[in-house]
């Protein structure tokens, strides 16, 4: 039996790639039902809509990404169309009036009320909080700087404010109040919510195959930047990309240690004091992650995070769908 965790990175409008990939996963994996879905920023939005959307996972995500597309201006080239979102996306956010009248005292550049109202209508939070899959979204506490994880397994469940807090990137969007604390986009702390996915899989007992599917949005490689604007964009990409290669190397070492401890446990006398050692007990309790499937969006970088033009959104959906199908087909290909 396979138990799957789905991990969704943040990346603004690049998140359309995740929708395309998720659509392919549902098509290829019969009765796909991850035990946990984790997300940051737009990954948190995609995750909440996938599990709590009123129209089912794929159709709800389709509704989301059709909704956030911006109307294009006639006769404007695509590069100019993309920049119009700086003035607002009517379906998501508009310029905060306080920022216009008093930019030095405003708490954000944009007001996200349109997107908040849309999500409130699209997501059934009762369904989300009763879902068989756990949802974890990550935000960062503005005052303490600490990473905070919100889950639909929490006593007070998942709420719209918790989901939105994970995408509230400053200074564009305002910090969000949750239980008298204030939160910003979790990507400021870490843009890949991998730890809660692994922790969830490790708690599963029995002889199961543990799988993690990761969908990254920020590219690792790019051409050498030539201008200040290019340099600024490249710095953001390096900050927000996942560093997953470090994690993969770490887990390879951990898996080797798990195998070693299992072999030691077979020959260790039952009355040995080593069995009482807390570190030994933790290592014996560790579970291996048997497979990673990583999808990486490479077509563009940080300049695309606020490009909600139909051409850009549709392109990312197609690429995500194509990449996921290719990866899944290769994984299922019989050995020669």
C-alpha atoms as a PDB file:
ATOM      1  CA  UNK A   1       0.000   0.000   0.000  1.00  0.00           C
ATOM      2  CA  UNK A   2       1.317   3.451  -0.975  1.00  0.00           C
ATOM      3  CA  UNK A   3       0.862   6.524   1.213  1.00  0.00           C
ATOM      4  CA  UNK A   4       1.513   9.838  -0.512  1.00  0.00           C
ATOM      5  CA  UNK A   5       2.337  13.339   0.690  1.00  0.00           C
ATOM      6  CA  UNK A   6       1.938  16.242  -1.747  1.00  0.00           C
ATOM      7  CA  UNK A   7       4.135  19.311  -1.164  1.00  0.00           C
ATOM      8  CA  UNK A   8       3.409  22.604  -2.960  1.00  0.00           C
ATOM      9  CA  UNK A   9       5.919  25.442  -3.075  1.00  0.00           C
ATOM     10  CA  UNK A  10       4.978  29.125  -3.241  1.00  0.00           C
ATOM     11  CA  UNK A  11       5.414  31.258  -6.350  1.00  0.00           C
ATOM     12  CA  UNK A  12       2.454  33.526  -7.128  1.00  0.00           C
ATOM     13  CA  UNK A  13       1.104  33.229 -10.660  1.00  0.00           C
ATOM     14  CA  UNK A  14       3.601  30.418 -11.336  1.00  0.00           C
ATOM     15  CA  UNK A  15       1.231  28.263  -9.253  1.00  0.00           C
ATOM     16  CA  UNK A  16      -0.787  27.552 -12.417  1.00  0.00           C
ATOM     17  CA  UNK A  17       1.928  24.963 -13.107  1.00  0.00           C
ATOM     18  CA  UNK A  18       0.848  23.104  -9.970  1.00  0.00           C
ATOM     19  CA  UNK A  19      -2.754  22.988 -11.170  1.00  0.00           C
ATOM     20  CA  UNK A  20      -1.681  21.405 -14.465  1.00  0.00           C
ATOM     21  CA  UNK A  21       0.458  18.862 -12.633  1.00  0.00           C
ATOM     22  CA  UNK A  22      -2.290  18.005 -10.138  1.00  0.00           C
ATOM     23  CA  UNK A  23      -4.745  17.488 -12.978  1.00  0.00           C
ATOM     24  CA  UNK A  24      -2.361  14.956 -14.553  1.00  0.00           C
ATOM     25  CA  UNK A  25      -1.796  13.199 -11.217  1.00  0.00           C
ATOM     26  CA  UNK A  26      -5.530  12.699 -10.701  1.00  0.00           C
ATOM     27  CA  UNK A  27      -5.827  11.330 -14.231  1.00  0.00           C
ATOM     28  CA  UNK A  28      -2.953   8.882 -13.908  1.00  0.00           C
ATOM     29  CA  UNK A  29      -3.234   7.816 -10.262  1.00  0.00           C
ATOM     30  CA  UNK A  30      -6.480   5.914  -9.726  1.00  0.00           C
ATOM     31  CA  UNK A  31      -8.337   7.104  -6.618  1.00  0.00           C
ATOM     32  CA  UNK A  32      -5.515   9.499  -5.746  1.00  0.00           C
ATOM     33  CA  UNK A  33      -5.937  10.458  -2.084  1.00  0.00           C
ATOM     34  CA  UNK A  34      -2.835  11.894  -0.379  1.00  0.00           C
ATOM     35  CA  UNK A  35      -2.600  11.462   3.376  1.00  0.00           C
ATOM     36  CA  UNK A  36      -1.339  15.041   3.625  1.00  0.00           C
ATOM     37  CA  UNK A  37      -1.048  18.105   1.392  1.00  0.00           C
ATOM     38  CA  UNK A  38       1.249  20.922   2.490  1.00  0.00           C
ATOM     39  CA  UNK A  39       1.555  24.342   0.934  1.00  0.00           C
ATOM     40  CA  UNK A  40       3.097  27.783   1.203  1.00  0.00           C
ATOM     41  CA  UNK A  41       1.734  30.953  -0.400  1.00  0.00           C
ATOM     42  CA  UNK A  42       0.043  30.061  -3.717  1.00  0.00           C
ATOM     43  CA  UNK A  43       0.826  26.439  -2.846  1.00  0.00           C
ATOM     44  CA  UNK A  44      -1.344  26.880   0.262  1.00  0.00           C
ATOM     45  CA  UNK A  45      -4.154  28.319  -1.881  1.00  0.00           C
ATOM     46  CA  UNK A  46      -3.919  25.450  -4.371  1.00  0.00           C
ATOM     47  CA  UNK A  47      -3.871  22.920  -1.527  1.00  0.00           C
ATOM     48  CA  UNK A  48      -6.922  24.405   0.226  1.00  0.00           C
ATOM     49  CA  UNK A  49      -8.884  24.604  -3.032  1.00  0.00           C
ATOM     50  CA  UNK A  50      -7.860  21.066  -4.000  1.00  0.00           C
ATOM     51  CA  UNK A  51      -9.168  19.585  -0.745  1.00  0.00           C
ATOM     52  CA  UNK A  52     -11.984  21.976   0.083  1.00  0.00           C
ATOM     53  CA  UNK A  53     -13.196  23.250  -3.267  1.00  0.00           C
ATOM     54  CA  UNK A  54     -16.926  22.854  -3.824  1.00  0.00           C
ATOM     55  CA  UNK A  55     -16.519  21.299  -7.273  1.00  0.00           C
ATOM     56  CA  UNK A  56     -13.954  18.613  -6.520  1.00  0.00           C
ATOM     57  CA  UNK A  57     -10.148  18.877  -6.724  1.00  0.00           C
ATOM     58  CA  UNK A  58      -9.549  19.430 -10.435  1.00  0.00           C
ATOM     59  CA  UNK A  59     -12.679  21.425 -11.272  1.00  0.00           C
ATOM     60  CA  UNK A  60     -12.199  23.682  -8.251  1.00  0.00           C
ATOM     61  CA  UNK A  61      -8.604  24.402  -9.265  1.00  0.00           C
ATOM     62  CA  UNK A  62      -9.810  25.081 -12.797  1.00  0.00           C
ATOM     63  CA  UNK A  63     -12.308  27.592 -11.391  1.00  0.00           C
ATOM     64  CA  UNK A  64      -9.537  29.240  -9.348  1.00  0.00           C
ATOM     65  CA  UNK A  65      -7.141  29.698 -12.236  1.00  0.00           C
ATOM     66  CA  UNK A  66      -9.799  30.820 -14.685  1.00  0.00           C
ATOM     67  CA  UNK A  67     -10.899  33.401 -12.148  1.00  0.00           C
ATOM     68  CA  UNK A  68      -7.483  34.975 -11.532  1.00  0.00           C
ATOM     69  CA  UNK A  69      -6.673  35.490 -15.209  1.00  0.00           C
ATOM     70  CA  UNK A  70      -6.530  39.169 -16.112  1.00  0.00           C
ATOM     71  CA  UNK A  71      -8.338  40.689 -19.044  1.00  0.00           C
ATOM     72  CA  UNK A  72      -5.878  41.736 -21.743  1.00  0.00           C
ATOM     73  CA  UNK A  73      -5.710  45.150 -23.373  1.00  0.00           C
ATOM     74  CA  UNK A  74      -6.127  45.272 -27.156  1.00  0.00           C
ATOM     75  CA  UNK A  75      -3.003  45.855 -29.238  1.00  0.00           C
ATOM     76  CA  UNK A  76      -0.662  45.615 -26.214  1.00  0.00           C
ATOM     77  CA  UNK A  77       2.299  43.213 -26.629  1.00  0.00           C
ATOM     78  CA  UNK A  78       2.481  40.315 -24.136  1.00  0.00           C
ATOM     79  CA  UNK A  79       5.426  41.829 -22.231  1.00  0.00           C
ATOM     80  CA  UNK A  80       3.385  44.974 -21.555  1.00  0.00           C
ATOM     81  CA  UNK A  81       0.253  43.014 -20.673  1.00  0.00           C
ATOM     82  CA  UNK A  82       2.186  41.215 -17.933  1.00  0.00           C
ATOM     83  CA  UNK A  83       3.192  44.485 -16.291  1.00  0.00           C
ATOM     84  CA  UNK A  84      -0.382  45.765 -15.956  1.00  0.00           C
ATOM     85  CA  UNK A  85      -0.827  43.571 -12.875  1.00  0.00           C
ATOM     86  CA  UNK A  86       1.372  46.068 -11.016  1.00  0.00           C
ATOM     87  CA  UNK A  87      -1.714  48.309 -11.083  1.00  0.00           C
ATOM     88  CA  UNK A  88      -3.893  45.532  -9.710  1.00  0.00           C
ATOM     89  CA  UNK A  89      -5.699  42.374 -10.748  1.00  0.00           C
ATOM     90  CA  UNK A  90      -9.456  43.087 -10.463  1.00  0.00           C
ATOM     91  CA  UNK A  91     -10.201  39.479  -9.542  1.00  0.00           C
ATOM     92  CA  UNK A  92      -7.567  39.331  -6.814  1.00  0.00           C
ATOM     93  CA  UNK A  93      -6.353  42.697  -5.529  1.00  0.00           C
ATOM     94  CA  UNK A  94      -6.429  46.427  -6.126  1.00  0.00           C
ATOM     95  CA  UNK A  95      -4.237  49.334  -5.049  1.00  0.00           C
ATOM     96  CA  UNK A  96      -4.769  50.017  -1.351  1.00  0.00           C
ATOM     97  CA  UNK A  97      -6.321  53.511  -1.084  1.00  0.00           C
ATOM     98  CA  UNK A  98      -4.285  54.166   2.077  1.00  0.00           C
ATOM     99  CA  UNK A  99      -1.125  53.563   0.056  1.00  0.00           C
ATOM    100  CA  UNK A 100      -2.217  56.152  -2.517  1.00  0.00           C
ATOM    101  CA  UNK A 101      -3.055  58.827   0.033  1.00  0.00           C
ATOM    102  CA  UNK A 102      -0.410  58.074   2.663  1.00  0.00           C
ATOM    103  CA  UNK A 103       2.263  55.691   1.343  1.00  0.00           C
ATOM    104  CA  UNK A 104       4.507  56.154   4.392  1.00  0.00           C
ATOM    105  CA  UNK A 105       1.843  54.941   6.840  1.00  0.00           C
ATOM    106  CA  UNK A 106       0.068  52.287   4.723  1.00  0.00           C
ATOM    107  CA  UNK A 107       0.553  48.661   5.771  1.00  0.00           C
ATOM    108  CA  UNK A 108       0.418  47.236   2.244  1.00  0.00           C
ATOM    109  CA  UNK A 109       0.462  48.249  -1.388  1.00  0.00           C
ATOM    110  CA  UNK A 110      -2.614  46.198  -2.311  1.00  0.00           C
ATOM    111  CA  UNK A 111      -5.963  45.269  -0.808  1.00  0.00           C
ATOM    112  CA  UNK A 112      -6.796  41.566  -1.354  1.00  0.00           C
ATOM    113  CA  UNK A 113     -10.517  41.809  -0.594  1.00  0.00           C
ATOM    114  CA  UNK A 114     -11.656  40.519  -4.036  1.00  0.00           C
ATOM    115  CA  UNK A 115      -9.604  37.342  -3.692  1.00  0.00           C
ATOM    116  CA  UNK A 116     -10.703  36.816  -0.096  1.00  0.00           C
ATOM    117  CA  UNK A 117     -14.377  36.985  -1.161  1.00  0.00           C
ATOM    118  CA  UNK A 118     -13.804  34.586  -4.056  1.00  0.00           C
ATOM    119  CA  UNK A 119     -12.045  32.004  -1.884  1.00  0.00           C
ATOM    120  CA  UNK A 120     -14.757  32.258   0.771  1.00  0.00           C
ATOM    121  CA  UNK A 121     -17.259  31.232  -1.871  1.00  0.00           C
ATOM    122  CA  UNK A 122     -15.110  28.554  -3.558  1.00  0.00           C
ATOM    123  CA  UNK A 123     -13.847  26.686  -0.478  1.00  0.00           C
ATOM    124  CA  UNK A 124     -16.207  24.693   1.739  1.00  0.00           C
ATOM    125  CA  UNK A 125     -14.381  24.858   5.064  1.00  0.00           C
ATOM    126  CA  UNK A 126     -16.638  22.279   6.692  1.00  0.00           C
ATOM    127  CA  UNK A 127     -15.654  19.857   3.940  1.00  0.00           C
ATOM    128  CA  UNK A 128     -12.022  20.870   4.269  1.00  0.00           C
ATOM    129  CA  UNK A 129     -11.921  20.330   8.019  1.00  0.00           C
ATOM    130  CA  UNK A 130     -13.575  16.917   7.722  1.00  0.00           C
ATOM    131  CA  UNK A 131     -11.405  15.792   4.792  1.00  0.00           C
ATOM    132  CA  UNK A 132      -9.555  12.489   5.070  1.00  0.00           C
ATOM    133  CA  UNK A 133      -6.384  14.258   3.903  1.00  0.00           C
ATOM    134  CA  UNK A 134      -4.550  16.521   6.304  1.00  0.00           C
ATOM    135  CA  UNK A 135      -3.869  20.058   5.108  1.00  0.00           C
ATOM    136  CA  UNK A 136      -0.932  22.033   6.501  1.00  0.00           C
ATOM    137  CA  UNK A 137      -0.162  25.602   5.444  1.00  0.00           C
ATOM    138  CA  UNK A 138       2.802  27.590   6.715  1.00  0.00           C
ATOM    139  CA  UNK A 139       2.948  31.264   7.701  1.00  0.00           C
ATOM    140  CA  UNK A 140       5.465  33.375   9.561  1.00  0.00           C
ATOM    141  CA  UNK A 141       4.630  35.327  12.697  1.00  0.00           C
ATOM    142  CA  UNK A 142       5.324  39.002  11.986  1.00  0.00           C
ATOM    143  CA  UNK A 143       6.382  39.866  15.538  1.00  0.00           C
ATOM    144  CA  UNK A 144       8.334  36.751  16.553  1.00  0.00           C
ATOM    145  CA  UNK A 145       9.657  35.706  13.147  1.00  0.00           C
ATOM    146  CA  UNK A 146       8.694  32.118  13.974  1.00  0.00           C
ATOM    147  CA  UNK A 147       7.323  29.688  11.424  1.00  0.00           C
ATOM    148  CA  UNK A 148       3.741  28.681  12.218  1.00  0.00           C
ATOM    149  CA  UNK A 149       1.904  25.662  10.824  1.00  0.00           C
ATOM    150  CA  UNK A 150      -1.872  25.695  10.543  1.00  0.00           C
ATOM    151  CA  UNK A 151      -3.712  22.411   9.988  1.00  0.00           C
ATOM    152  CA  UNK A 152      -7.263  21.255   9.363  1.00  0.00           C
ATOM    153  CA  UNK A 153      -6.551  18.868  12.255  1.00  0.00           C
ATOM    154  CA  UNK A 154      -6.154  21.791  14.690  1.00  0.00           C
ATOM    155  CA  UNK A 155      -8.810  22.123  17.376  1.00  0.00           C
ATOM    156  CA  UNK A 156     -10.277  25.199  15.668  1.00  0.00           C
ATOM    157  CA  UNK A 157      -9.708  23.743  12.188  1.00  0.00           C
ATOM    158  CA  UNK A 158      -8.591  25.513   9.027  1.00  0.00           C
ATOM    159  CA  UNK A 159     -10.024  28.957   8.343  1.00  0.00           C
ATOM    160  CA  UNK A 160      -9.942  31.402   5.469  1.00  0.00           C
ATOM    161  CA  UNK A 161      -7.686  33.725   7.481  1.00  0.00           C
ATOM    162  CA  UNK A 162      -5.135  30.963   8.061  1.00  0.00           C
ATOM    163  CA  UNK A 163      -5.018  30.087   4.365  1.00  0.00           C
ATOM    164  CA  UNK A 164      -4.720  33.697   3.243  1.00  0.00           C
ATOM    165  CA  UNK A 165      -2.022  34.440   5.820  1.00  0.00           C
ATOM    166  CA  UNK A 166       0.268  31.998   4.014  1.00  0.00           C
ATOM    167  CA  UNK A 167       0.107  34.068   0.789  1.00  0.00           C
ATOM    168  CA  UNK A 168       0.362  37.540   2.337  1.00  0.00           C
ATOM    169  CA  UNK A 169       3.750  38.523   0.978  1.00  0.00           C
ATOM    170  CA  UNK A 170       4.911  41.957   2.226  1.00  0.00           C
ATOM    171  CA  UNK A 171       4.837  44.758   1.359  1.00  0.00           C
ATOM    172  CA  UNK A 172       2.402  43.833  -1.421  1.00  0.00           C
ATOM    173  CA  UNK A 173      -0.224  42.266   0.821  1.00  0.00           C
ATOM    174  CA  UNK A 174      -1.189  43.093   4.417  1.00  0.00           C
ATOM    175  CA  UNK A 175      -0.368  40.908   7.399  1.00  0.00           C
ATOM    176  CA  UNK A 176      -3.326  38.775   8.514  1.00  0.00           C
ATOM    177  CA  UNK A 177      -4.669  38.418  12.039  1.00  0.00           C
ATOM    178  CA  UNK A 178      -5.233  34.888  13.340  1.00  0.00           C
ATOM    179  CA  UNK A 179      -6.081  34.366  17.024  1.00  0.00           C
ATOM    180  CA  UNK A 180      -4.701  37.798  17.988  1.00  0.00           C
ATOM    181  CA  UNK A 181      -1.386  37.142  16.218  1.00  0.00           C
ATOM    182  CA  UNK A 182      -0.266  38.570  12.868  1.00  0.00           C
ATOM    183  CA  UNK A 183       1.158  36.605   9.965  1.00  0.00           C
ATOM    184  CA  UNK A 184       2.881  37.011   6.615  1.00  0.00           C
ATOM    185  CA  UNK A 185       3.678  34.646   3.758  1.00  0.00           C
ATOM    186  CA  UNK A 186       5.406  31.495   5.031  1.00  0.00           C
ATOM    187  CA  UNK A 187       7.833  31.626   2.119  1.00  0.00           C
ATOM    188  CA  UNK A 188       9.721  34.359   3.974  1.00  0.00           C
ATOM    189  CA  UNK A 189      10.878  31.654   6.394  1.00  0.00           C
ATOM    190  CA  UNK A 190      10.988  28.587   4.129  1.00  0.00           C
ATOM    191  CA  UNK A 191       9.348  28.178   0.735  1.00  0.00           C
ATOM    192  CA  UNK A 192       9.028  24.384   0.737  1.00  0.00           C
ATOM    193  CA  UNK A 193       6.848  22.846   3.497  1.00  0.00           C
ATOM    194  CA  UNK A 194       8.613  19.498   3.456  1.00  0.00           C
ATOM    195  CA  UNK A 195       8.993  18.766   7.178  1.00  0.00           C
ATOM    196  CA  UNK A 196       5.280  18.359   8.031  1.00  0.00           C
ATOM    197  CA  UNK A 197       4.860  16.017   5.062  1.00  0.00           C
ATOM    198  CA  UNK A 198       7.711  13.788   6.244  1.00  0.00           C
ATOM    199  CA  UNK A 199       6.523  13.871   9.852  1.00  0.00           C
ATOM    200  CA  UNK A 200       3.067  12.755   8.771  1.00  0.00           C
ATOM    201  CA  UNK A 201       4.408   9.858   6.693  1.00  0.00           C
ATOM    202  CA  UNK A 202       6.672   8.713   9.516  1.00  0.00           C
ATOM    203  CA  UNK A 203       3.700   8.420  11.885  1.00  0.00           C
ATOM    204  CA  UNK A 204       2.034   5.862   9.633  1.00  0.00           C
ATOM    205  CA  UNK A 205       2.534   2.394  11.053  1.00  0.00           C
ATOM    206  CA  UNK A 206       2.714  -0.870   9.224  1.00  0.00           C
ATOM    207  CA  UNK A 207       4.317  -2.118   6.053  1.00  0.00           C
ATOM    208  CA  UNK A 208       3.503   0.737   3.660  1.00  0.00           C
ATOM    209  CA  UNK A 209       5.366   2.524   0.868  1.00  0.00           C
ATOM    210  CA  UNK A 210       5.886   6.180   1.697  1.00  0.00           C
ATOM    211  CA  UNK A 211       5.974   8.593  -1.232  1.00  0.00           C
ATOM    212  CA  UNK A 212       6.478  12.349  -1.495  1.00  0.00           C
ATOM    213  CA  UNK A 213       5.429  14.361  -4.556  1.00  0.00           C
ATOM    214  CA  UNK A 214       6.980  17.827  -4.634  1.00  0.00           C
ATOM    215  CA  UNK A 215       5.988  20.569  -7.082  1.00  0.00           C
ATOM    216  CA  UNK A 216       8.510  23.424  -7.159  1.00  0.00           C
ATOM    217  CA  UNK A 217       7.914  26.752  -8.874  1.00  0.00           C
ATOM    218  CA  UNK A 218      11.165  28.723  -8.482  1.00  0.00           C
ATOM    219  CA  UNK A 219      13.889  27.664 -10.873  1.00  0.00           C
ATOM    220  CA  UNK A 220      17.361  26.874  -9.621  1.00  0.00           C
ATOM    221  CA  UNK A 221      19.319  27.814 -12.759  1.00  0.00           C
ATOM    222  CA  UNK A 222      19.209  31.041 -14.779  1.00  0.00           C
ATOM    223  CA  UNK A 223      21.362  33.073 -17.110  1.00  0.00           C
ATOM    224  CA  UNK A 224      23.809  35.606 -15.692  1.00  0.00           C
ATOM    225  CA  UNK A 225      21.856  38.805 -14.788  1.00  0.00           C
ATOM    226  CA  UNK A 226      22.938  41.944 -16.638  1.00  0.00           C
ATOM    227  CA  UNK A 227      20.914  44.753 -15.030  1.00  0.00           C
ATOM    228  CA  UNK A 228      19.946  45.846 -11.507  1.00  0.00           C
ATOM    229  CA  UNK A 229      16.381  44.630 -12.157  1.00  0.00           C
ATOM    230  CA  UNK A 230      17.684  41.262 -13.350  1.00  0.00           C
ATOM    231  CA  UNK A 231      19.963  41.001 -10.324  1.00  0.00           C
ATOM    232  CA  UNK A 232      17.089  41.774  -7.959  1.00  0.00           C
ATOM    233  CA  UNK A 233      14.950  39.077  -9.595  1.00  0.00           C
ATOM    234  CA  UNK A 234      17.757  36.533  -9.448  1.00  0.00           C
ATOM    235  CA  UNK A 235      18.336  37.224  -5.733  1.00  0.00           C
ATOM    236  CA  UNK A 236      14.657  36.494  -5.060  1.00  0.00           C
ATOM    237  CA  UNK A 237      14.849  33.260  -7.047  1.00  0.00           C
ATOM    238  CA  UNK A 238      17.836  32.041  -5.057  1.00  0.00           C
ATOM    239  CA  UNK A 239      16.138  32.959  -1.772  1.00  0.00           C
ATOM    240  CA  UNK A 240      12.830  31.275  -2.611  1.00  0.00           C
ATOM    241  CA  UNK A 241      13.945  28.164  -4.509  1.00  0.00           C
ATOM    242  CA  UNK A 242      13.710  24.994  -2.473  1.00  0.00           C
ATOM    243  CA  UNK A 243      17.335  23.809  -1.906  1.00  0.00           C
ATOM    244  CA  UNK A 244      15.840  20.341  -2.289  1.00  0.00           C
ATOM    245  CA  UNK A 245      19.094  18.765  -3.436  1.00  0.00           C
ATOM    246  CA  UNK A 246      20.414  19.320   0.103  1.00  0.00           C
ATOM    247  CA  UNK A 247      17.367  17.593   1.572  1.00  0.00           C
ATOM    248  CA  UNK A 248      17.627  14.665  -0.844  1.00  0.00           C
ATOM    249  CA  UNK A 249      21.245  14.057   0.163  1.00  0.00           C
ATOM    250  CA  UNK A 250      20.265  14.274   3.826  1.00  0.00           C
ATOM    251  CA  UNK A 251      17.439  11.757   3.443  1.00  0.00           C
ATOM    252  CA  UNK A 252      19.705   9.342   1.609  1.00  0.00           C
ATOM    253  CA  UNK A 253      22.032   9.388   4.622  1.00  0.00           C
ATOM    254  CA  UNK A 254      19.119   9.019   7.049  1.00  0.00           C
ATOM    255  CA  UNK A 255      17.754   6.047   5.116  1.00  0.00           C
ATOM    256  CA  UNK A 256      21.161   4.382   5.380  1.00  0.00           C
ATOM    257  CA  UNK A 257      21.218   4.975   9.125  1.00  0.00           C
ATOM    258  CA  UNK A 258      17.697   3.552   9.468  1.00  0.00           C
ATOM    259  CA  UNK A 259      18.788   0.369   7.683  1.00  0.00           C
ATOM    260  CA  UNK A 260      21.841   0.132   9.933  1.00  0.00           C
ATOM    261  CA  UNK A 261      19.824   0.551  13.138  1.00  0.00           C
ATOM    262  CA  UNK A 262      17.323  -2.076  11.998  1.00  0.00           C
ATOM    263  CA  UNK A 263      20.163  -4.549  11.509  1.00  0.00           C
ATOM    264  CA  UNK A 264      21.644  -3.668  14.914  1.00  0.00           C
ATOM    265  CA  UNK A 265      18.221  -4.135  16.526  1.00  0.00           C
ATOM    266  CA  UNK A 266      18.044  -7.700  15.207  1.00  0.00           C
ATOM    267  CA  UNK A 267      21.223  -8.776  17.025  1.00  0.00           C
ATOM    268  CA  UNK A 268      21.070  -6.495  20.079  1.00  0.00           C
ATOM    269  CA  UNK A 269      20.244  -8.438  23.274  1.00  0.00           C
ATOM    270  CA  UNK A 270      16.763  -7.664  24.589  1.00  0.00           C
ATOM    271  CA  UNK A 271      18.135  -6.730  28.007  1.00  0.00           C
ATOM    272  CA  UNK A 272      20.729  -4.325  26.605  1.00  0.00           C
ATOM    273  CA  UNK A 273      20.743  -0.852  28.190  1.00  0.00           C
ATOM    274  CA  UNK A 274      21.176   0.600  24.705  1.00  0.00           C
ATOM    275  CA  UNK A 275      17.492  -0.133  24.062  1.00  0.00           C
ATOM    276  CA  UNK A 276      16.646   2.393  26.783  1.00  0.00           C
ATOM    277  CA  UNK A 277      18.634   5.136  25.102  1.00  0.00           C
ATOM    278  CA  UNK A 278      16.262   7.846  23.795  1.00  0.00           C
ATOM    279  CA  UNK A 279      18.296   8.480  20.644  1.00  0.00           C
ATOM    280  CA  UNK A 280      18.312   4.766  19.864  1.00  0.00           C
ATOM    281  CA  UNK A 281      14.557   4.584  20.397  1.00  0.00           C
ATOM    282  CA  UNK A 282      14.003   7.538  18.052  1.00  0.00           C
ATOM    283  CA  UNK A 283      16.146   5.987  15.332  1.00  0.00           C
ATOM    284  CA  UNK A 284      14.357   2.647  15.586  1.00  0.00           C
ATOM    285  CA  UNK A 285      11.046   4.491  15.255  1.00  0.00           C
ATOM    286  CA  UNK A 286      12.157   6.348  12.101  1.00  0.00           C
ATOM    287  CA  UNK A 287      10.528   5.297   8.821  1.00  0.00           C
ATOM    288  CA  UNK A 288      12.062   5.422   5.360  1.00  0.00           C
ATOM    289  CA  UNK A 289      10.711   7.608   2.597  1.00  0.00           C
ATOM    290  CA  UNK A 290      10.722   5.149  -0.275  1.00  0.00           C
ATOM    291  CA  UNK A 291      10.274   7.473  -3.236  1.00  0.00           C
ATOM    292  CA  UNK A 292      10.449  11.123  -4.240  1.00  0.00           C
ATOM    293  CA  UNK A 293       8.769  12.541  -7.316  1.00  0.00           C
ATOM    294  CA  UNK A 294       9.897  16.096  -7.946  1.00  0.00           C
ATOM    295  CA  UNK A 295       8.398  18.366 -10.583  1.00  0.00           C
ATOM    296  CA  UNK A 296      10.267  21.597 -11.309  1.00  0.00           C
ATOM    297  CA  UNK A 297       8.939  24.565 -13.277  1.00  0.00           C
ATOM    298  CA  UNK A 298      11.823  25.992 -15.322  1.00  0.00           C
ATOM    299  CA  UNK A 299      10.247  28.063 -18.100  1.00  0.00           C
ATOM    300  CA  UNK A 300      10.506  31.418 -16.335  1.00  0.00           C
ATOM    301  CA  UNK A 301      11.624  32.952 -13.092  1.00  0.00           C
ATOM    302  CA  UNK A 302      10.449  35.470 -10.532  1.00  0.00           C
ATOM    303  CA  UNK A 303       9.363  37.905 -13.245  1.00  0.00           C
ATOM    304  CA  UNK A 304       6.397  35.622 -13.870  1.00  0.00           C
ATOM    305  CA  UNK A 305       5.071  35.576 -10.301  1.00  0.00           C
ATOM    306  CA  UNK A 306       2.645  38.445 -10.934  1.00  0.00           C
ATOM    307  CA  UNK A 307       1.918  37.693 -14.602  1.00  0.00           C
ATOM    308  CA  UNK A 308      -1.716  36.571 -14.615  1.00  0.00           C
ATOM    309  CA  UNK A 309      -2.327  37.075 -18.325  1.00  0.00           C
ATOM    310  CA  UNK A 310      -4.328  34.239 -19.946  1.00  0.00           C
ATOM    311  CA  UNK A 311      -1.430  33.373 -22.248  1.00  0.00           C
ATOM    312  CA  UNK A 312       1.005  32.947 -19.345  1.00  0.00           C
ATOM    313  CA  UNK A 313      -1.414  31.098 -17.048  1.00  0.00           C
ATOM    314  CA  UNK A 314      -2.532  28.673 -19.774  1.00  0.00           C
ATOM    315  CA  UNK A 315       1.074  27.998 -20.766  1.00  0.00           C
ATOM    316  CA  UNK A 316       2.040  27.069 -17.204  1.00  0.00           C
ATOM    317  CA  UNK A 317      -0.973  24.772 -16.878  1.00  0.00           C
ATOM    318  CA  UNK A 318       0.001  22.946 -20.071  1.00  0.00           C
ATOM    319  CA  UNK A 319       3.641  22.600 -19.004  1.00  0.00           C
ATOM    320  CA  UNK A 320       2.684  21.313 -15.549  1.00  0.00           C
ATOM    321  CA  UNK A 321       0.303  18.777 -17.067  1.00  0.00           C
ATOM    322  CA  UNK A 322       2.929  17.649 -19.584  1.00  0.00           C
ATOM    323  CA  UNK A 323       5.730  17.378 -17.021  1.00  0.00           C
ATOM    324  CA  UNK A 324       3.621  15.364 -14.586  1.00  0.00           C
ATOM    325  CA  UNK A 325       2.403  12.948 -17.262  1.00  0.00           C
ATOM    326  CA  UNK A 326       5.958  12.429 -18.476  1.00  0.00           C
ATOM    327  CA  UNK A 327       7.269  11.814 -14.961  1.00  0.00           C
ATOM    328  CA  UNK A 328       4.448   9.427 -14.050  1.00  0.00           C
ATOM    329  CA  UNK A 329       4.736   7.494 -17.302  1.00  0.00           C
ATOM    330  CA  UNK A 330       8.486   7.061 -16.798  1.00  0.00           C
ATOM    331  CA  UNK A 331       7.966   5.880 -13.213  1.00  0.00           C
ATOM    332  CA  UNK A 332       5.475   3.260 -14.374  1.00  0.00           C
ATOM    333  CA  UNK A 333       7.552   2.108 -17.335  1.00  0.00           C
ATOM    334  CA  UNK A 334       8.575  -1.561 -16.922  1.00  0.00           C
ATOM    335  CA  UNK A 335      12.261  -2.346 -16.618  1.00  0.00           C
ATOM    336  CA  UNK A 336      13.834  -3.832 -19.752  1.00  0.00           C
END
